[in-house]
Amino acid sequence: MIEKFYSFEFIVNFYFIEIKYYILYNYSLKRVMFAMKPFRYVLKSLFNNSVIIEGRKRKWIESFIIFIIAMIVALIPSIVTIASVKGSSILSSNANGADEGLVYFSETMKEKNIKFEIKEEDGTKIITMNDPDNNWANSNDPEHFYAPDSYQYFFYERSDRIIEEDGTYSDKLVQRLRVYLALDLNSDDFNKKVSEIQAQEITAIGISSFLIIGKTECFLCVYSKNAESWSSPFATRYMKYDRFKNGEVMSSYTGEHSLSNWKEFIDVGYKSTKIVTLFTQVGIYAAINVIISLFMVLMIFIITRGKHNPYRDYKFVEAMKIVGVASLSPAILSALIGFIFPSFSTMLFMVMLGIRIMWLTSRNLNPSIQQQ
């Protein structure tokens, strides 16, 4: 039998390495387990009210971070819904001839040698009109232009079947799109012009969709066939020129891709407005959610008051911690349901948070239950 002898140096190195890895493994494991404690607390708080109540004595930063995460999660469906809106969706089946009117407008502009071009002026993208034959101002063209006392506009009309009171019907030409020029107006006057058109009374000509072409922006307002008021459009789109490349637009949208070009124009122009709309609406929704959450904090604080209430030692800050942690599960549920029913996404968090707090207070902050 051959015996194998190890040197003293080899044995020392072997045990040194074993001890080294043992210490590193256990030390790392302890650090991981320590780091996992907040996550375990968050997971338990999703369904365990007692954990939330006990968490009122934890650090405020934990509940604050959880609350911020809950606010973000609750707003995800609204963010996705607003961000996914395309400007060209305004030209849907309810466009009521507005899409045809835009195509007709481009064809007429090309026919009359009128060009609209995007240019850059002092770092700002603007639109200019090149009308060498002064065709736009020619009010002697009743087939394309109408010149009332207020503002001359280009119009598109098509035949529509009108049912009379006696049951008979007749075909009548009805305006489906108007195009106004406002290249000489600044932003404030441009907005006033939009309000002025939407505030006008209904005349014999009726209600029609309209496009206002301004120097730095344009506005498209579409009405459905059964519109009864200028102030009740089907959809509207403010469009900026800042994302366009220099060159001819609108008047060049002719041929088989004319409508596609118009849709692309609306999509590109609406991007800047959509970003502003996104931040504005999401900010409003976030503010409402915060106010509702503070109301729930106040409700918990008031419920726990009373001379003989065993929870009367709860402070307002502790009530804030409770609501902050309790808001995560309602946020997750409202986000999941919000993707299924997007139209209800703005109010789901409020409803879910109210249900969670009512459940928490009735089960864990009810003095009668504790006495039993």
Protein backbone atom coordinates (compact mmCIF):
# COMPACT_ATOMS: atom_id res chain seq x y z
CA MET A 1 0.00 0.00 0.00
CA ILE A 2 1.40 3.31 -1.12
CA GLU A 3 0.77 6.19 1.21
CA LYS A 4 0.61 9.68 -0.15
CA PHE A 5 2.13 12.40 2.02
CA TYR A 6 1.17 16.05 1.75
CA SER A 7 3.57 18.77 2.66
CA PHE A 8 2.87 21.09 5.51
CA GLU A 9 2.70 24.04 3.08
CA PHE A 10 0.09 22.28 0.95
CA ILE A 11 -2.13 21.55 3.99
CA VAL A 12 -1.90 25.15 5.23
CA ASN A 13 -2.81 26.55 1.80
CA PHE A 14 -5.69 24.09 1.41
CA TYR A 15 -7.33 25.00 4.71
CA PHE A 16 -6.64 28.66 4.17
CA ILE A 17 -8.53 28.57 0.87
CA GLU A 18 -11.39 26.61 2.43
CA ILE A 19 -11.71 29.09 5.29
CA LYS A 20 -11.48 31.99 2.86
CA TYR A 21 -14.35 30.72 0.67
CA TYR A 22 -16.40 29.81 3.73
CA ILE A 23 -16.15 33.34 5.08
CA LEU A 24 -16.85 34.91 1.67
CA TYR A 25 -19.85 32.64 1.07
CA ASN A 26 -21.44 33.26 4.46
CA TYR A 27 -20.67 36.96 4.41
CA SER A 28 -22.14 37.38 0.94
CA LEU A 29 -25.15 35.27 1.89
CA LYS A 30 -25.80 37.43 4.91
CA ARG A 31 -25.56 40.55 2.80
CA VAL A 32 -27.99 39.13 0.27
CA MET A 33 -30.42 38.06 2.98
CA PHE A 34 -30.16 41.50 4.57
CA ALA A 35 -30.80 43.19 1.23
CA MET A 36 -33.82 40.96 0.61
CA LYS A 37 -35.60 42.01 3.80
CA PRO A 38 -37.26 45.11 2.26
CA PHE A 39 -38.41 43.06 -0.73
CA ARG A 40 -39.92 40.40 1.52
CA TYR A 41 -41.68 43.17 3.45
CA VAL A 42 -43.10 44.64 0.24
CA LEU A 43 -44.33 41.26 -1.00
CA LYS A 44 -46.04 40.51 2.30
CA SER A 45 -47.66 43.95 2.37
CA LEU A 46 -49.50 43.20 -0.88
CA PHE A 47 -51.98 40.97 0.94
CA ASN A 48 -51.18 41.16 4.67
CA ASN A 49 -52.69 44.12 6.52
CA SER A 50 -50.89 43.31 9.77
CA VAL A 51 -47.52 43.74 8.07
CA ILE A 52 -48.58 47.20 6.88
CA ILE A 53 -49.74 48.22 10.36
CA GLU A 54 -46.49 47.00 11.91
CA GLY A 55 -44.57 48.85 9.22
CA ARG A 56 -45.67 52.21 10.61
CA LYS A 57 -42.56 52.08 12.79
CA ARG A 58 -40.21 51.41 9.89
CA LYS A 59 -38.21 54.14 8.18
CA TRP A 60 -40.32 56.70 6.32
CA ILE A 61 -38.11 56.45 3.24
CA GLU A 62 -39.32 52.89 2.63
CA SER A 63 -43.01 53.84 2.50
CA PHE A 64 -42.18 56.92 0.44
CA ILE A 65 -40.35 54.84 -2.20
CA ILE A 66 -43.17 52.28 -2.25
CA PHE A 67 -45.71 55.09 -2.71
CA ILE A 68 -43.75 56.60 -5.63
CA ILE A 69 -43.55 53.18 -7.28
CA ALA A 70 -47.29 52.73 -6.73
CA MET A 71 -48.03 56.09 -8.38
CA ILE A 72 -45.92 55.17 -11.41
CA VAL A 73 -47.52 51.73 -11.75
CA ALA A 74 -51.04 53.17 -11.45
CA LEU A 75 -50.34 55.70 -14.22
CA ILE A 76 -48.86 53.21 -16.71
CA PRO A 77 -52.19 52.45 -18.50
CA SER A 78 -52.92 56.17 -18.91
CA ILE A 79 -49.40 56.84 -20.18
CA VAL A 80 -49.62 54.00 -22.70
CA THR A 81 -53.10 55.07 -23.85
CA ILE A 82 -52.11 58.71 -24.43
CA ALA A 83 -48.74 57.86 -25.99
CA SER A 84 -50.30 55.38 -28.41
CA VAL A 85 -52.77 57.91 -29.85
CA LYS A 86 -51.93 58.76 -33.46
CA GLY A 87 -52.77 62.15 -34.85
CA SER A 88 -54.18 60.61 -38.01
CA SER A 89 -56.79 58.63 -36.03
CA ILE A 90 -58.91 61.77 -36.35
CA LEU A 91 -59.55 60.72 -39.96
CA SER A 92 -61.57 57.67 -38.94
CA SER A 93 -64.97 56.51 -40.14
CA ASN A 94 -66.51 59.50 -38.33
CA ALA A 95 -64.48 62.00 -40.35
CA ASN A 96 -67.64 62.74 -42.35
CA GLY A 97 -65.82 63.66 -45.55
CA ALA A 98 -62.99 65.64 -43.93
CA ASP A 99 -60.45 63.19 -45.36
CA GLU A 100 -61.86 63.63 -48.84
CA GLY A 101 -61.80 67.39 -48.31
CA LEU A 102 -58.09 67.38 -47.49
CA VAL A 103 -57.30 65.43 -50.66
CA TYR A 104 -59.48 67.80 -52.70
CA PHE A 105 -57.74 70.79 -51.09
CA SER A 106 -54.30 69.49 -52.17
CA GLU A 107 -55.47 68.83 -55.72
CA THR A 108 -57.02 72.30 -55.99
CA MET A 109 -53.91 74.00 -54.62
CA LYS A 110 -51.76 72.27 -57.22
CA GLU A 111 -54.23 73.19 -59.94
CA LYS A 112 -54.16 76.86 -58.91
CA ASN A 113 -50.35 76.90 -58.52
CA ILE A 114 -50.50 77.62 -54.77
CA LYS A 115 -47.66 76.15 -52.72
CA PHE A 116 -47.25 75.73 -48.99
CA GLU A 117 -43.66 75.32 -47.79
CA ILE A 118 -41.99 74.66 -44.44
CA LYS A 119 -39.08 77.01 -43.80
CA GLU A 120 -36.91 77.97 -40.86
CA GLU A 121 -37.01 81.55 -39.63
CA ASP A 122 -34.86 82.64 -36.66
CA GLY A 123 -34.62 79.03 -35.49
CA THR A 124 -38.39 78.46 -35.71
CA LYS A 125 -40.13 76.30 -38.29
CA ILE A 126 -42.87 78.24 -40.09
CA ILE A 127 -45.12 77.68 -43.10
CA THR A 128 -45.32 80.07 -46.02
CA MET A 129 -47.69 80.30 -48.98
CA ASN A 130 -46.51 81.03 -52.49
CA ASP A 131 -49.49 82.30 -54.51
CA PRO A 132 -48.07 84.17 -57.56
CA ASP A 133 -51.45 84.46 -59.29
CA ASN A 134 -53.22 85.63 -56.12
CA ASN A 135 -55.74 82.81 -56.47
CA TRP A 136 -56.51 82.47 -52.77
CA ALA A 137 -57.83 86.01 -52.50
CA ASN A 138 -59.90 85.62 -55.66
CA SER A 139 -63.46 85.66 -54.34
CA ASN A 140 -64.81 85.22 -57.89
CA ASP A 141 -64.34 81.45 -57.60
CA PRO A 142 -67.56 80.24 -55.93
CA GLU A 143 -66.71 76.60 -56.57
CA HIS A 144 -63.73 76.68 -54.20
CA PHE A 145 -63.83 79.81 -52.05
CA TYR A 146 -66.45 81.46 -49.91
CA ALA A 147 -65.92 85.01 -48.68
CA PRO A 148 -68.22 85.94 -45.81
CA ASP A 149 -67.72 89.20 -43.94
CA SER A 150 -65.69 87.50 -41.19
CA TYR A 151 -63.05 85.40 -42.95
CA GLN A 152 -62.60 83.97 -46.45
CA TYR A 153 -62.08 80.23 -46.62
CA PHE A 154 -61.63 77.38 -49.08
CA PHE A 155 -64.38 74.77 -48.93
CA TYR A 156 -65.11 71.23 -50.06
CA GLU A 157 -68.70 70.06 -50.44
CA ARG A 158 -70.40 66.87 -51.50
CA SER A 159 -73.92 65.72 -52.11
CA ASP A 160 -75.84 64.45 -49.10
CA ARG A 161 -79.28 62.91 -48.92
CA ILE A 162 -81.59 64.93 -46.68
CA ILE A 163 -84.79 63.39 -45.26
CA GLU A 164 -87.60 65.94 -44.99
CA GLU A 165 -90.29 66.03 -42.29
CA ASP A 166 -92.92 64.58 -44.64
CA GLY A 167 -90.73 61.51 -45.29
CA THR A 168 -89.48 62.56 -48.68
CA TYR A 169 -85.83 63.02 -49.39
CA SER A 170 -83.68 65.19 -51.59
CA ASP A 171 -80.01 65.48 -52.50
CA LYS A 172 -78.25 68.61 -51.27
CA LEU A 173 -74.69 69.87 -51.48
CA VAL A 174 -73.26 70.14 -47.97
CA GLN A 175 -69.90 71.61 -46.93
CA ARG A 176 -67.65 68.96 -45.38
CA LEU A 177 -64.38 70.87 -44.92
CA ARG A 178 -63.29 74.47 -44.68
CA VAL A 179 -59.69 75.67 -44.83
CA TYR A 180 -58.82 79.03 -43.29
CA LEU A 181 -55.54 80.91 -43.67
CA ALA A 182 -54.10 82.54 -40.54
CA LEU A 183 -50.48 83.10 -41.58
CA ASP A 184 -50.55 86.65 -40.21
CA LEU A 185 -51.71 85.69 -36.71
CA ASN A 186 -49.54 85.05 -33.64
CA SER A 187 -50.25 82.15 -31.28
CA ASP A 188 -52.68 84.09 -29.07
CA ASP A 189 -54.68 85.43 -32.02
CA PHE A 190 -54.59 81.99 -33.62
CA ASN A 191 -56.22 80.46 -30.53
CA LYS A 192 -58.78 83.26 -30.52
CA LYS A 193 -59.60 82.43 -34.12
CA VAL A 194 -60.19 78.78 -33.19
CA SER A 195 -62.49 79.83 -30.34
CA GLU A 196 -64.28 82.29 -32.62
CA ILE A 197 -65.12 79.60 -35.19
CA GLN A 198 -66.26 77.13 -32.54
CA ALA A 199 -68.47 79.80 -30.94
CA GLN A 200 -70.30 80.82 -34.12
CA GLU A 201 -73.98 80.19 -34.65
CA ILE A 202 -75.26 77.54 -37.04
CA THR A 203 -76.30 79.03 -40.37
CA ALA A 204 -78.03 77.57 -43.42
CA ILE A 205 -74.63 76.32 -44.62
CA GLY A 206 -74.47 74.02 -41.60
CA ILE A 207 -71.57 72.64 -39.58
CA SER A 208 -68.45 71.37 -41.31
CA SER A 209 -64.97 70.27 -40.27
CA PHE A 210 -62.30 72.91 -40.65
CA LEU A 211 -58.55 73.34 -40.91
CA ILE A 212 -56.78 76.54 -39.87
CA ILE A 213 -53.30 76.98 -41.32
CA GLY A 214 -51.24 79.25 -39.07
CA LYS A 215 -47.68 80.47 -39.33
CA THR A 216 -46.18 78.14 -36.68
CA GLU A 217 -49.07 75.73 -36.13
CA CYS A 218 -52.28 74.47 -37.63
CA PHE A 219 -55.52 73.18 -36.18
CA LEU A 220 -57.81 70.48 -37.54
CA CYS A 221 -61.31 70.10 -36.13
CA VAL A 222 -63.53 67.24 -37.31
CA TYR A 223 -67.29 67.03 -36.77
CA SER A 224 -69.46 63.95 -37.11
CA LYS A 225 -72.43 63.86 -39.46
CA ASN A 226 -74.94 64.40 -36.65
CA ALA A 227 -73.09 67.27 -34.97
CA GLU A 228 -75.50 69.78 -33.45
CA SER A 229 -73.07 72.44 -32.23
CA TRP A 230 -69.78 74.01 -33.31
CA SER A 231 -68.53 73.57 -29.73
CA SER A 232 -68.95 69.76 -29.83
CA PRO A 233 -66.46 68.34 -32.37
CA PHE A 234 -65.76 64.66 -32.82
CA ALA A 235 -62.00 65.23 -32.41
CA THR A 236 -59.39 67.98 -32.71
CA ARG A 237 -55.65 68.13 -33.43
CA TYR A 238 -53.18 70.93 -32.81
CA MET A 239 -50.11 70.44 -35.01
CA LYS A 240 -46.71 72.13 -34.80
CA TYR A 241 -44.19 72.41 -37.63
CA ASP A 242 -41.05 71.95 -35.52
CA ARG A 243 -40.60 68.27 -36.52
CA PHE A 244 -40.96 68.79 -40.27
CA LYS A 245 -38.15 68.99 -42.78
CA ASN A 246 -37.95 72.07 -44.96
CA GLY A 247 -39.89 71.72 -48.19
CA GLU A 248 -43.35 71.71 -49.72
CA VAL A 249 -46.26 70.26 -47.73
CA MET A 250 -50.02 69.90 -48.17
CA SER A 251 -50.15 71.33 -51.69
CA SER A 252 -47.87 68.51 -52.88
CA TYR A 253 -50.07 65.74 -51.47
CA THR A 254 -51.62 64.58 -54.73
CA GLY A 255 -51.97 61.27 -56.50
CA GLU A 256 -52.77 57.85 -55.05
CA HIS A 257 -50.83 58.50 -51.83
CA SER A 258 -52.48 61.83 -51.11
CA LEU A 259 -54.46 60.69 -48.07
CA SER A 260 -51.47 58.73 -46.72
CA ASN A 261 -49.36 61.88 -46.99
CA TRP A 262 -51.98 63.85 -45.08
CA LYS A 263 -52.09 61.23 -42.34
CA GLU A 264 -48.30 61.34 -42.04
CA PHE A 265 -48.45 65.15 -41.89
CA ILE A 266 -50.96 65.01 -39.03
CA ASP A 267 -48.96 62.31 -37.18
CA VAL A 268 -45.70 64.28 -37.37
CA GLY A 269 -47.33 67.60 -36.49
CA TYR A 270 -49.20 66.12 -33.55
CA LYS A 271 -46.10 64.61 -31.89
CA SER A 272 -45.04 67.78 -30.06
CA THR A 273 -48.60 68.46 -28.94
CA LYS A 274 -48.99 64.85 -27.79
CA ILE A 275 -45.94 65.15 -25.53
CA VAL A 276 -47.38 68.26 -23.88
CA THR A 277 -50.77 66.54 -23.57
CA LEU A 278 -49.11 63.46 -22.07
CA PHE A 279 -47.28 65.37 -19.33
CA THR A 280 -50.29 67.58 -18.60
CA GLN A 281 -52.83 64.79 -18.27
CA VAL A 282 -50.51 62.43 -16.42
CA GLY A 283 -49.62 65.27 -14.05
CA ILE A 284 -53.31 65.90 -13.38
CA TYR A 285 -53.98 62.20 -12.79
CA ALA A 286 -50.97 61.95 -10.46
CA ALA A 287 -52.14 64.99 -8.48
CA ILE A 288 -55.62 63.50 -8.10
CA ASN A 289 -54.16 60.19 -6.89
CA VAL A 290 -51.98 61.98 -4.34
CA ILE A 291 -54.96 63.99 -3.06
CA ILE A 292 -57.05 60.83 -2.71
CA SER A 293 -54.16 59.16 -0.87
CA LEU A 294 -53.89 62.10 1.54
CA PHE A 295 -57.63 61.85 2.12
CA MET A 296 -57.16 58.19 3.07
CA VAL A 297 -54.37 59.21 5.45
CA LEU A 298 -56.68 61.73 7.07
CA MET A 299 -59.43 59.11 7.31
CA ILE A 300 -57.13 56.65 9.13
CA PHE A 301 -55.91 59.39 11.44
CA ILE A 302 -59.48 60.43 12.34
CA ILE A 303 -60.70 56.86 12.78
CA THR A 304 -57.96 56.13 15.31
CA ARG A 305 -58.78 59.17 17.44
CA GLY A 306 -60.80 58.85 20.63
CA LYS A 307 -60.04 58.70 24.33
CA HIS A 308 -60.72 54.98 24.63
CA ASN A 309 -59.48 53.98 21.20
CA PRO A 310 -56.55 51.53 21.52
CA TYR A 311 -55.02 53.02 18.34
CA ARG A 312 -55.11 56.63 19.53
CA ASP A 313 -51.30 56.73 19.70
CA TYR A 314 -51.09 56.57 15.88
CA LYS A 315 -49.46 59.72 14.56
CA PHE A 316 -50.28 61.44 11.28
CA VAL A 317 -46.87 60.48 9.86
CA GLU A 318 -47.52 56.84 10.77
CA ALA A 319 -50.87 57.01 8.97
CA MET A 320 -49.00 58.30 5.93
CA LYS A 321 -46.63 55.33 6.12
CA ILE A 322 -49.59 52.94 6.27
CA VAL A 323 -51.27 54.43 3.20
CA GLY A 324 -47.95 54.67 1.35
CA VAL A 325 -47.29 50.94 1.67
CA ALA A 326 -50.95 49.95 1.25
CA SER A 327 -51.15 51.81 -2.09
CA LEU A 328 -48.95 49.33 -3.98
CA SER A 329 -51.44 46.47 -4.34
CA PRO A 330 -54.27 48.80 -5.52
CA ALA A 331 -51.83 50.29 -8.03
CA ILE A 332 -50.93 46.87 -9.44
CA LEU A 333 -54.58 45.83 -9.68
CA SER A 334 -55.62 49.13 -11.28
CA ALA A 335 -52.80 48.81 -13.83
CA LEU A 336 -53.81 45.27 -14.78
CA ILE A 337 -57.50 46.14 -15.08
CA GLY A 338 -56.64 49.43 -16.78
CA PHE A 339 -55.03 47.62 -19.70
CA ILE A 340 -58.20 45.54 -20.11
CA PHE A 341 -60.56 48.53 -19.74
CA PRO A 342 -58.54 51.63 -20.75
CA SER A 343 -61.52 53.97 -20.45
CA PHE A 344 -61.68 53.30 -16.68
CA SER A 345 -57.93 53.52 -16.03
CA THR A 346 -58.06 57.08 -14.65
CA MET A 347 -60.41 56.20 -11.78
CA LEU A 348 -59.41 52.62 -10.98
CA PHE A 349 -56.63 53.52 -8.53
CA MET A 350 -58.96 55.71 -6.48
CA VAL A 351 -61.54 52.93 -6.24
CA MET A 352 -58.99 50.21 -5.46
CA LEU A 353 -57.22 52.30 -2.82
CA GLY A 354 -60.53 53.12 -1.15
CA ILE A 355 -61.44 49.41 -1.01
CA ARG A 356 -58.01 48.48 0.40
CA ILE A 357 -58.09 51.13 3.13
CA MET A 358 -61.67 50.24 4.09
CA TRP A 359 -60.66 46.58 4.34
CA LEU A 360 -57.58 47.49 6.39
CA THR A 361 -59.43 49.75 8.83
CA SER A 362 -62.36 47.37 9.32
CA ARG A 363 -60.14 44.36 9.95
CA ASN A 364 -57.07 45.74 11.69
CA LEU A 365 -58.02 49.14 13.12
CA ASN A 366 -61.45 48.27 14.47
CA PRO A 367 -61.49 48.53 18.31
CA SER A 368 -64.51 46.20 18.61
CA ILE A 369 -62.67 43.42 16.80
CA GLN A 370 -59.61 43.83 18.99
CA GLN A 371 -61.75 43.65 22.15
CA GLN A 372 -63.26 40.39 20.96
